[in-house]
Every structure is written in structure tokens, then in C-alpha cells.
Amino acid sequence: MDESGELPSIRLLKKWPTPSRTAETLLIRRDGNDVLFLNDLKFQKDAALNLRIPLNNRNVPAVEAALGKEGIVEGIDYRGVPVVADLRTVPDSPWFLVARMDMEEIYAPLRERLWWMIIIIGALLLSAGASVGYVLAPATKSFLSGAVQNGGSAAGKRRKISDHF
């Protein structure tokens, strides 16, 4: 233990997996029909050895870990927020490690890129339409001026064709 009364490994859990607004690492164990959180949590004070989640909440990544699942999972965390988590067992112990991050934070860069793509594609379509209009403007102008000179109607065009024959 250090001067703050924490084990160095618990301090490491607070900083790992990455500096992030929502990412955190949870140390848990199965305790009867519940999952017991062994460390304090980023979004809930005094959770260590106090916060429990029943094992029947199978959409919670910590519950999945306590039931023996490992790997990447999606679920709802202890706050009721959608998360992506990596579940691991701690070798030679009854403990499990859950590294989790809110889906909103994970997908935020993709959402931003999507909006930029929509803006760029819209600008390209708008400029393509303007270019086509610019290229076709002289032809359209000559067509319309010819139509006006010939009566400006279908009857005028028919008259011109019948006069020709």
C-alpha cells in the first residue's frame, strides 16, 4: 500500500486502459448470486465492496464476466449506459477484469466523419449540378430563343415543318 492507502494495482486500474472520458477498468468477483465490485468506480463513489448486481442481469458485461465469458462484448453497464467491454479472468484468482467504454465515445469519431462525408458529397453534387448548368446554358439559351422566334409554341413548330414540305 502507498500513502493514500491504495494498492499500486488499484491505482493502475484507475488509469488504464486509456485516458478517456468514459473508459474504466472494473475488478469484480462473483459473490453468491451477485457480482461484487472490488474497486471504486469512475461514476459511482464508494462502490468498492458495496455495489452488487444480480447475476440474472445478463446484459451487464460484469455479470457476463462473472459467468465465465471472455472477450469483447456489448452491453449495459452499472449506470444503464450502452458500452463495449473486454472481459478477462484474473489467473489463479476468483476475480475478473472488465475494461469498458461508452459506445457514444467509441463511435463519436465515426459520426463526425460521417457528417463530413455528407457535407463533402453534398458540395460535390451541388458543384456538379452548377457545372452542368454552366455548360448547358448556351445551348439552352439558343434553343429557347429559336423557339420564341418561331412562335414559341408547338403550333409554330408544326407550321414550320408543314411549310417545309
N, C-alpha and C. Protein backbone atom coordinates (compact mmCIF):
# COMPACT_ATOMS: atom_id res chain seq x y z
N MET A 1 0.84 -1.18 0.00
CA MET A 1 0.00 0.00 0.00
C MET A 1 0.88 1.24 0.00
N ASP A 2 0.34 2.32 -0.55
CA ASP A 2 1.07 3.59 -0.55
C ASP A 2 0.47 4.51 0.51
N GLU A 3 0.90 5.78 0.49
CA GLU A 3 0.44 6.73 1.50
C GLU A 3 -1.06 7.01 1.42
N SER A 4 -1.69 6.77 0.25
CA SER A 4 -3.14 7.00 0.13
C SER A 4 -3.95 5.81 0.61
N GLY A 5 -3.27 4.71 0.94
CA GLY A 5 -3.97 3.52 1.40
C GLY A 5 -4.41 2.62 0.28
N GLU A 6 -3.98 2.90 -0.96
CA GLU A 6 -4.36 2.08 -2.11
C GLU A 6 -3.23 1.16 -2.51
N LEU A 7 -3.61 0.03 -3.02
CA LEU A 7 -2.62 -0.86 -3.62
C LEU A 7 -2.20 -0.27 -4.96
N PRO A 8 -0.92 -0.43 -5.34
CA PRO A 8 -0.49 0.10 -6.65
C PRO A 8 -1.31 -0.43 -7.81
N SER A 9 -1.76 -1.69 -7.72
CA SER A 9 -2.56 -2.26 -8.81
C SER A 9 -3.92 -1.56 -8.93
N ILE A 10 -4.49 -1.11 -7.81
CA ILE A 10 -5.76 -0.39 -7.86
C ILE A 10 -5.56 0.98 -8.51
N ARG A 11 -4.44 1.63 -8.20
CA ARG A 11 -4.15 2.92 -8.87
C ARG A 11 -4.01 2.72 -10.37
N LEU A 12 -3.38 1.62 -10.76
CA LEU A 12 -3.22 1.31 -12.19
C LEU A 12 -4.59 1.12 -12.84
N LEU A 13 -5.52 0.47 -12.17
CA LEU A 13 -6.86 0.27 -12.73
C LEU A 13 -7.55 1.59 -13.01
N LYS A 14 -7.30 2.60 -12.22
CA LYS A 14 -7.95 3.91 -12.42
C LYS A 14 -7.43 4.61 -13.67
N LYS A 15 -6.18 4.32 -14.06
CA LYS A 15 -5.58 4.99 -15.21
C LYS A 15 -5.71 4.19 -16.50
N TRP A 16 -5.85 2.89 -16.39
CA TRP A 16 -5.85 2.02 -17.55
C TRP A 16 -7.29 1.75 -17.95
N PRO A 17 -7.70 1.57 -19.16
CA PRO A 17 -6.92 1.20 -20.32
C PRO A 17 -6.34 2.38 -21.10
N THR A 18 -6.99 3.53 -21.05
CA THR A 18 -6.51 4.67 -21.81
C THR A 18 -7.10 5.94 -21.21
N PRO A 19 -6.41 7.07 -21.35
CA PRO A 19 -7.05 8.31 -20.87
C PRO A 19 -8.31 8.55 -21.70
N SER A 20 -9.41 8.64 -21.03
CA SER A 20 -10.69 8.72 -21.73
C SER A 20 -11.72 9.34 -20.81
N ARG A 21 -12.74 9.90 -21.42
CA ARG A 21 -13.83 10.49 -20.66
C ARG A 21 -14.66 9.42 -19.97
N THR A 22 -14.84 8.25 -20.62
CA THR A 22 -15.76 7.25 -20.07
C THR A 22 -15.13 5.88 -19.81
N ALA A 23 -13.92 5.62 -20.30
CA ALA A 23 -13.32 4.29 -20.13
C ALA A 23 -12.91 4.06 -18.68
N GLU A 24 -13.10 2.85 -18.23
CA GLU A 24 -12.64 2.48 -16.90
C GLU A 24 -12.47 0.97 -16.84
N THR A 25 -11.71 0.55 -15.85
CA THR A 25 -11.48 -0.87 -15.64
C THR A 25 -12.09 -1.27 -14.31
N LEU A 26 -12.83 -2.37 -14.33
CA LEU A 26 -13.53 -2.85 -13.15
C LEU A 26 -12.91 -4.16 -12.71
N LEU A 27 -12.73 -4.31 -11.43
CA LEU A 27 -12.29 -5.57 -10.85
C LEU A 27 -13.48 -6.11 -10.08
N ILE A 28 -13.90 -7.32 -10.45
CA ILE A 28 -15.12 -7.88 -9.86
C ILE A 28 -14.88 -9.32 -9.44
N ARG A 29 -15.83 -9.83 -8.67
CA ARG A 29 -15.86 -11.26 -8.37
C ARG A 29 -17.31 -11.67 -8.16
N ARG A 30 -17.53 -12.94 -8.32
CA ARG A 30 -18.86 -13.50 -8.06
C ARG A 30 -19.00 -13.69 -6.55
N ASP A 31 -20.13 -13.25 -6.03
CA ASP A 31 -20.40 -13.38 -4.60
C ASP A 31 -21.83 -13.88 -4.44
N GLY A 32 -21.98 -15.19 -4.35
CA GLY A 32 -23.32 -15.79 -4.27
C GLY A 32 -24.05 -15.60 -5.58
N ASN A 33 -25.21 -14.95 -5.54
CA ASN A 33 -26.00 -14.70 -6.75
C ASN A 33 -25.79 -13.28 -7.28
N ASP A 34 -24.69 -12.65 -6.88
CA ASP A 34 -24.40 -11.28 -7.29
C ASP A 34 -22.99 -11.17 -7.84
N VAL A 35 -22.77 -10.05 -8.53
CA VAL A 35 -21.43 -9.62 -8.90
C VAL A 35 -21.06 -8.53 -7.91
N LEU A 36 -19.90 -8.66 -7.31
CA LEU A 36 -19.43 -7.67 -6.33
C LEU A 36 -18.28 -6.89 -6.96
N PHE A 37 -18.38 -5.58 -6.94
CA PHE A 37 -17.33 -4.71 -7.48
C PHE A 37 -16.27 -4.52 -6.40
N LEU A 38 -15.00 -4.76 -6.76
CA LEU A 38 -13.91 -4.73 -5.79
C LEU A 38 -13.16 -3.41 -5.77
N ASN A 39 -13.35 -2.59 -6.78
CA ASN A 39 -12.65 -1.29 -6.81
C ASN A 39 -13.66 -0.16 -6.92
N ASP A 40 -13.21 1.04 -6.56
CA ASP A 40 -14.08 2.21 -6.73
C ASP A 40 -14.24 2.49 -8.22
N LEU A 41 -15.37 3.06 -8.55
CA LEU A 41 -15.71 3.27 -9.95
C LEU A 41 -15.63 4.75 -10.31
N LYS A 42 -15.45 5.00 -11.58
CA LYS A 42 -15.32 6.37 -12.07
C LYS A 42 -16.59 7.18 -11.84
N PHE A 43 -17.74 6.56 -12.00
CA PHE A 43 -19.00 7.29 -11.96
C PHE A 43 -19.85 6.98 -10.72
N GLN A 44 -19.31 6.22 -9.79
CA GLN A 44 -20.07 5.91 -8.58
C GLN A 44 -19.08 5.80 -7.41
N LYS A 45 -19.19 6.70 -6.48
CA LYS A 45 -18.30 6.73 -5.32
C LYS A 45 -18.66 5.61 -4.34
N ASP A 46 -17.66 5.17 -3.61
CA ASP A 46 -17.82 4.15 -2.56
C ASP A 46 -18.45 2.87 -3.08
N ALA A 47 -18.11 2.50 -4.30
CA ALA A 47 -18.66 1.28 -4.88
C ALA A 47 -17.88 0.05 -4.46
N ALA A 48 -16.60 0.21 -4.10
CA ALA A 48 -15.76 -0.93 -3.75
C ALA A 48 -16.37 -1.70 -2.59
N LEU A 49 -16.61 -2.98 -2.83
CA LEU A 49 -17.18 -3.92 -1.85
C LEU A 49 -18.59 -3.57 -1.41
N ASN A 50 -19.22 -2.58 -2.10
CA ASN A 50 -20.60 -2.21 -1.78
C ASN A 50 -21.57 -2.45 -2.94
N LEU A 51 -21.12 -2.15 -4.15
CA LEU A 51 -22.02 -2.26 -5.31
C LEU A 51 -22.15 -3.72 -5.72
N ARG A 52 -23.38 -4.15 -5.85
CA ARG A 52 -23.68 -5.52 -6.29
C ARG A 52 -24.70 -5.45 -7.43
N ILE A 53 -24.54 -6.38 -8.37
CA ILE A 53 -25.50 -6.53 -9.46
C ILE A 53 -25.90 -8.00 -9.51
N PRO A 54 -27.19 -8.28 -9.51
CA PRO A 54 -27.65 -9.69 -9.55
C PRO A 54 -27.19 -10.40 -10.83
N LEU A 55 -26.89 -11.67 -10.70
CA LEU A 55 -26.42 -12.46 -11.84
C LEU A 55 -27.49 -12.66 -12.91
N ASN A 56 -28.75 -12.35 -12.61
CA ASN A 56 -29.79 -12.52 -13.63
C ASN A 56 -29.83 -11.32 -14.59
N ASN A 57 -29.04 -10.29 -14.37
CA ASN A 57 -28.93 -9.16 -15.32
C ASN A 57 -27.87 -9.51 -16.36
N ARG A 58 -28.20 -10.38 -17.27
CA ARG A 58 -27.21 -10.92 -18.20
C ARG A 58 -26.76 -9.96 -19.30
N ASN A 59 -27.37 -8.80 -19.41
CA ASN A 59 -26.93 -7.82 -20.42
C ASN A 59 -25.85 -6.88 -19.86
N VAL A 60 -25.42 -7.11 -18.61
CA VAL A 60 -24.38 -6.31 -17.98
C VAL A 60 -23.04 -7.04 -18.18
N PRO A 61 -22.05 -6.39 -18.81
CA PRO A 61 -20.76 -7.06 -19.05
C PRO A 61 -20.11 -7.65 -17.79
N ALA A 62 -20.22 -6.99 -16.65
CA ALA A 62 -19.63 -7.52 -15.42
C ALA A 62 -20.28 -8.86 -15.05
N VAL A 63 -21.57 -8.99 -15.27
CA VAL A 63 -22.27 -10.26 -15.00
C VAL A 63 -21.79 -11.33 -15.96
N GLU A 64 -21.64 -10.96 -17.24
CA GLU A 64 -21.15 -11.93 -18.22
C GLU A 64 -19.76 -12.43 -17.84
N ALA A 65 -18.90 -11.53 -17.36
CA ALA A 65 -17.56 -11.93 -16.93
C ALA A 65 -17.64 -12.89 -15.75
N ALA A 66 -18.48 -12.57 -14.78
CA ALA A 66 -18.60 -13.43 -13.59
C ALA A 66 -19.18 -14.80 -13.95
N LEU A 67 -19.90 -14.87 -15.05
CA LEU A 67 -20.45 -16.15 -15.51
C LEU A 67 -19.48 -16.90 -16.41
N GLY A 68 -18.26 -16.35 -16.57
CA GLY A 68 -17.21 -17.07 -17.29
C GLY A 68 -16.97 -16.66 -18.72
N LYS A 69 -17.70 -15.67 -19.22
CA LYS A 69 -17.49 -15.24 -20.61
C LYS A 69 -16.23 -14.39 -20.70
N GLU A 70 -15.49 -14.54 -21.79
CA GLU A 70 -14.31 -13.72 -22.04
C GLU A 70 -14.39 -13.14 -23.44
N GLY A 71 -13.70 -12.03 -23.65
CA GLY A 71 -13.64 -11.41 -24.96
C GLY A 71 -14.40 -10.09 -25.00
N ILE A 72 -14.62 -9.61 -26.22
CA ILE A 72 -15.29 -8.33 -26.44
C ILE A 72 -16.80 -8.55 -26.45
N VAL A 73 -17.52 -7.74 -25.67
CA VAL A 73 -18.98 -7.82 -25.61
C VAL A 73 -19.57 -6.42 -25.61
N GLU A 74 -20.83 -6.34 -25.99
CA GLU A 74 -21.60 -5.10 -25.86
C GLU A 74 -22.65 -5.35 -24.79
N GLY A 75 -22.98 -4.29 -24.06
CA GLY A 75 -23.99 -4.46 -23.03
C GLY A 75 -24.32 -3.13 -22.37
N ILE A 76 -24.96 -3.22 -21.23
CA ILE A 76 -25.36 -2.06 -20.45
C ILE A 76 -24.55 -2.10 -19.15
N ASP A 77 -23.89 -0.99 -18.82
CA ASP A 77 -23.06 -1.00 -17.62
C ASP A 77 -23.86 -0.71 -16.36
N TYR A 78 -23.17 -0.57 -15.25
CA TYR A 78 -23.82 -0.34 -13.96
C TYR A 78 -24.59 0.97 -13.90
N ARG A 79 -24.34 1.89 -14.86
CA ARG A 79 -25.08 3.16 -14.91
C ARG A 79 -26.29 3.08 -15.83
N GLY A 80 -26.44 1.97 -16.56
CA GLY A 80 -27.53 1.84 -17.52
C GLY A 80 -27.19 2.42 -18.87
N VAL A 81 -25.89 2.57 -19.16
CA VAL A 81 -25.41 3.18 -20.41
C VAL A 81 -24.85 2.08 -21.31
N PRO A 82 -25.15 2.12 -22.63
CA PRO A 82 -24.59 1.13 -23.56
C PRO A 82 -23.06 1.25 -23.62
N VAL A 83 -22.37 0.11 -23.52
CA VAL A 83 -20.91 0.08 -23.50
C VAL A 83 -20.39 -1.07 -24.35
N VAL A 84 -19.10 -0.96 -24.69
CA VAL A 84 -18.35 -2.08 -25.25
C VAL A 84 -17.31 -2.43 -24.20
N ALA A 85 -17.17 -3.72 -23.90
CA ALA A 85 -16.26 -4.14 -22.83
C ALA A 85 -15.43 -5.34 -23.27
N ASP A 86 -14.25 -5.43 -22.67
CA ASP A 86 -13.39 -6.60 -22.84
C ASP A 86 -13.35 -7.31 -21.50
N LEU A 87 -13.70 -8.58 -21.50
CA LEU A 87 -13.82 -9.36 -20.27
C LEU A 87 -12.67 -10.35 -20.18
N ARG A 88 -12.03 -10.41 -19.02
CA ARG A 88 -10.91 -11.34 -18.80
C ARG A 88 -10.98 -11.90 -17.38
N THR A 89 -10.50 -13.13 -17.23
CA THR A 89 -10.36 -13.68 -15.89
C THR A 89 -8.97 -13.33 -15.37
N VAL A 90 -8.84 -13.15 -14.07
CA VAL A 90 -7.54 -12.93 -13.45
C VAL A 90 -7.02 -14.31 -13.06
N PRO A 91 -5.90 -14.74 -13.64
CA PRO A 91 -5.41 -16.11 -13.40
C PRO A 91 -5.20 -16.39 -11.90
N ASP A 92 -5.51 -17.61 -11.52
CA ASP A 92 -5.31 -18.10 -10.17
C ASP A 92 -6.03 -17.28 -9.11
N SER A 93 -7.20 -16.74 -9.47
CA SER A 93 -7.99 -15.98 -8.50
C SER A 93 -9.47 -16.09 -8.89
N PRO A 94 -10.36 -15.71 -7.99
CA PRO A 94 -11.79 -15.70 -8.32
C PRO A 94 -12.22 -14.36 -8.93
N TRP A 95 -11.27 -13.57 -9.37
CA TRP A 95 -11.54 -12.22 -9.86
C TRP A 95 -11.66 -12.18 -11.38
N PHE A 96 -12.33 -11.14 -11.83
CA PHE A 96 -12.48 -10.89 -13.26
C PHE A 96 -12.18 -9.42 -13.53
N LEU A 97 -11.67 -9.14 -14.70
CA LEU A 97 -11.34 -7.78 -15.11
C LEU A 97 -12.25 -7.39 -16.26
N VAL A 98 -12.86 -6.22 -16.15
CA VAL A 98 -13.75 -5.70 -17.20
C VAL A 98 -13.24 -4.32 -17.58
N ALA A 99 -12.74 -4.18 -18.81
CA ALA A 99 -12.35 -2.87 -19.34
C ALA A 99 -13.48 -2.42 -20.24
N ARG A 100 -14.11 -1.26 -19.91
CA ARG A 100 -15.30 -0.83 -20.63
C ARG A 100 -15.20 0.63 -21.04
N MET A 101 -15.94 0.95 -22.12
CA MET A 101 -16.02 2.33 -22.62
C MET A 101 -17.41 2.53 -23.21
N ASP A 102 -17.95 3.73 -23.01
CA ASP A 102 -19.28 4.04 -23.56
C ASP A 102 -19.26 3.96 -25.08
N MET A 103 -20.31 3.40 -25.65
CA MET A 103 -20.43 3.32 -27.12
C MET A 103 -20.43 4.71 -27.73
N GLU A 104 -21.06 5.64 -27.07
CA GLU A 104 -21.12 7.01 -27.59
C GLU A 104 -19.71 7.57 -27.84
N GLU A 105 -18.81 7.33 -26.90
CA GLU A 105 -17.44 7.82 -27.06
C GLU A 105 -16.70 7.04 -28.15
N ILE A 106 -16.95 5.76 -28.24
CA ILE A 106 -16.28 4.93 -29.25
C ILE A 106 -16.68 5.37 -30.65
N TYR A 107 -17.97 5.62 -30.86
CA TYR A 107 -18.46 5.93 -32.19
C TYR A 107 -18.47 7.40 -32.54
N ALA A 108 -18.09 8.28 -31.61
CA ALA A 108 -18.09 9.72 -31.87
C ALA A 108 -17.21 10.10 -33.07
N PRO A 109 -15.98 9.57 -33.20
CA PRO A 109 -15.18 9.91 -34.38
C PRO A 109 -15.81 9.46 -35.69
N LEU A 110 -16.47 8.30 -35.66
CA LEU A 110 -17.14 7.82 -36.88
C LEU A 110 -18.31 8.70 -37.26
N ARG A 111 -19.07 9.14 -36.25
CA ARG A 111 -20.20 10.05 -36.52
C ARG A 111 -19.70 11.36 -37.12
N GLU A 112 -18.60 11.86 -36.59
CA GLU A 112 -18.04 13.11 -37.11
C GLU A 112 -17.60 12.93 -38.57
N ARG A 113 -16.93 11.83 -38.85
CA ARG A 113 -16.51 11.56 -40.23
C ARG A 113 -17.70 11.41 -41.16
N LEU A 114 -18.77 10.78 -40.68
CA LEU A 114 -19.98 10.62 -41.48
C LEU A 114 -20.53 11.99 -41.88
N TRP A 115 -20.62 12.92 -40.92
CA TRP A 115 -21.14 14.25 -41.23
C TRP A 115 -20.24 14.97 -42.22
N TRP A 116 -18.92 14.82 -42.07
CA TRP A 116 -18.01 15.45 -43.04
C TRP A 116 -18.20 14.85 -44.42
N MET A 117 -18.40 13.54 -44.50
CA MET A 117 -18.63 12.89 -45.80
C MET A 117 -19.92 13.41 -46.43
N ILE A 118 -20.97 13.56 -45.64
CA ILE A 118 -22.24 14.07 -46.16
C ILE A 118 -22.07 15.49 -46.69
N ILE A 119 -21.34 16.32 -45.95
CA ILE A 119 -21.11 17.70 -46.39
C ILE A 119 -20.29 17.73 -47.67
N ILE A 120 -19.24 16.92 -47.76
CA ILE A 120 -18.38 16.90 -48.95
C ILE A 120 -19.15 16.38 -50.16
N ILE A 121 -19.90 15.29 -49.99
CA ILE A 121 -20.67 14.73 -51.11
C ILE A 121 -21.73 15.73 -51.55
N GLY A 122 -22.39 16.39 -50.61
CA GLY A 122 -23.38 17.41 -50.97
C GLY A 122 -22.76 18.56 -51.74
N ALA A 123 -21.58 19.00 -51.31
CA ALA A 123 -20.88 20.09 -52.02
C ALA A 123 -20.47 19.64 -53.42
N LEU A 124 -20.01 18.39 -53.55
CA LEU A 124 -19.64 17.88 -54.88
C LEU A 124 -20.86 17.79 -55.80
N LEU A 125 -21.97 17.30 -55.28
CA LEU A 125 -23.19 17.22 -56.10
C LEU A 125 -23.67 18.61 -56.51
N LEU A 126 -23.61 19.55 -55.60
CA LEU A 126 -24.02 20.92 -55.90
C LEU A 126 -23.12 21.54 -56.96
N SER A 127 -21.81 21.34 -56.83
CA SER A 127 -20.90 21.91 -57.82
C SER A 127 -21.02 21.18 -59.17
N ALA A 128 -21.29 19.88 -59.15
CA ALA A 128 -21.51 19.15 -60.41
C ALA A 128 -22.75 19.68 -61.11
N GLY A 129 -23.82 19.90 -60.35
CA GLY A 129 -25.04 20.46 -60.93
C GLY A 129 -24.82 21.85 -61.49
N ALA A 130 -24.06 22.67 -60.78
CA ALA A 130 -23.76 24.02 -61.27
C ALA A 130 -22.91 23.96 -62.54
N SER A 131 -21.96 23.02 -62.60
CA SER A 131 -21.12 22.87 -63.79
C SER A 131 -21.93 22.45 -65.00
N VAL A 132 -22.84 21.50 -64.81
CA VAL A 132 -23.71 21.06 -65.91
C VAL A 132 -24.57 22.22 -66.39
N GLY A 133 -25.11 22.97 -65.46
CA GLY A 133 -25.92 24.14 -65.82
C GLY A 133 -25.10 25.18 -66.58
N TYR A 134 -23.86 25.37 -66.18
CA TYR A 134 -22.99 26.34 -66.85
C TYR A 134 -22.66 25.89 -68.27
N VAL A 135 -22.41 24.60 -68.43
CA VAL A 135 -22.07 24.06 -69.76
C VAL A 135 -23.30 24.08 -70.67
N LEU A 136 -24.47 23.77 -70.15
CA LEU A 136 -25.67 23.69 -70.98
C LEU A 136 -26.37 25.04 -71.16
N ALA A 137 -25.96 26.04 -70.46
CA ALA A 137 -26.62 27.35 -70.54
C ALA A 137 -26.63 27.91 -71.97
N PRO A 138 -25.51 27.93 -72.72
CA PRO A 138 -25.56 28.47 -74.08
C PRO A 138 -26.51 27.69 -74.99
N ALA A 139 -26.50 26.37 -74.89
CA ALA A 139 -27.37 25.56 -75.74
C ALA A 139 -28.84 25.81 -75.39
N THR A 140 -29.13 25.92 -74.12
CA THR A 140 -30.49 26.17 -73.68
C THR A 140 -30.95 27.55 -74.14
N LYS A 141 -30.04 28.51 -74.07
CA LYS A 141 -30.38 29.87 -74.48
C LYS A 141 -30.70 29.92 -75.97
N SER A 142 -29.89 29.25 -76.80
CA SER A 142 -30.14 29.27 -78.24
C SER A 142 -31.42 28.51 -78.58
N PHE A 143 -31.69 27.42 -77.89
CA PHE A 143 -32.91 26.67 -78.13
C PHE A 143 -34.13 27.51 -77.80
N LEU A 144 -34.09 28.17 -76.65
CA LEU A 144 -35.24 28.98 -76.24
C LEU A 144 -35.44 30.19 -77.14
N SER A 145 -34.35 30.82 -77.56
CA SER A 145 -34.52 31.98 -78.45
C SER A 145 -35.05 31.55 -79.80
N GLY A 146 -34.67 30.36 -80.29
CA GLY A 146 -35.22 29.85 -81.55
C GLY A 146 -36.69 29.52 -81.43
N ALA A 147 -37.08 29.00 -80.29
CA ALA A 147 -38.49 28.67 -80.07
C ALA A 147 -39.34 29.93 -80.02
N VAL A 148 -38.81 30.99 -79.43
CA VAL A 148 -39.56 32.25 -79.34
C VAL A 148 -39.71 32.85 -80.74
N GLN A 149 -38.69 32.80 -81.54
CA GLN A 149 -38.75 33.37 -82.89
C GLN A 149 -39.71 32.60 -83.78
N ASN A 150 -39.93 31.33 -83.52
CA ASN A 150 -40.81 30.52 -84.35
C ASN A 150 -42.20 30.39 -83.76
N GLY A 151 -42.62 31.33 -83.04
CA GLY A 151 -43.97 31.30 -82.49
C GLY A 151 -44.01 30.85 -81.05
N GLY A 152 -42.96 30.26 -80.58
CA GLY A 152 -42.87 29.90 -79.18
C GLY A 152 -43.79 28.80 -78.75
N SER A 153 -44.37 28.06 -79.70
CA SER A 153 -45.30 27.01 -79.29
C SER A 153 -45.14 25.82 -80.20
N ALA A 154 -45.82 24.76 -79.84
CA ALA A 154 -45.80 23.55 -80.67
C ALA A 154 -46.47 23.83 -82.00
N ALA A 155 -47.49 24.68 -82.01
CA ALA A 155 -48.18 25.01 -83.26
C ALA A 155 -47.22 25.72 -84.20
N GLY A 156 -46.36 26.56 -83.67
CA GLY A 156 -45.38 27.25 -84.51
C GLY A 156 -44.38 26.28 -85.10
N LYS A 157 -44.01 25.29 -84.34
CA LYS A 157 -43.06 24.29 -84.85
C LYS A 157 -43.72 23.44 -85.93
N ARG A 158 -45.01 23.07 -85.73
CA ARG A 158 -45.71 22.28 -86.75
C ARG A 158 -45.86 23.08 -88.03
N ARG A 159 -46.15 24.37 -87.90
CA ARG A 159 -46.30 25.23 -89.07
C ARG A 159 -44.99 25.28 -89.86
N LYS A 160 -43.89 25.41 -89.15
CA LYS A 160 -42.59 25.48 -89.82
C LYS A 160 -42.30 24.17 -90.56
N ILE A 161 -42.65 23.01 -89.95
CA ILE A 161 -42.43 21.72 -90.61
C ILE A 161 -43.34 21.57 -91.81
N SER A 162 -44.62 21.97 -91.69
CA SER A 162 -45.54 21.83 -92.82
C SER A 162 -45.16 22.80 -93.96
N ASP A 163 -44.65 23.99 -93.66
CA ASP A 163 -44.19 24.89 -94.68
C ASP A 163 -43.00 24.31 -95.44
N HIS A 164 -42.22 23.57 -94.74
CA HIS A 164 -41.03 22.98 -95.36
C HIS A 164 -41.41 21.92 -96.38
N PHE A 165 -42.52 21.21 -96.19
CA PHE A 165 -42.95 20.16 -97.11
C PHE A 165 -44.02 20.74 -97.98
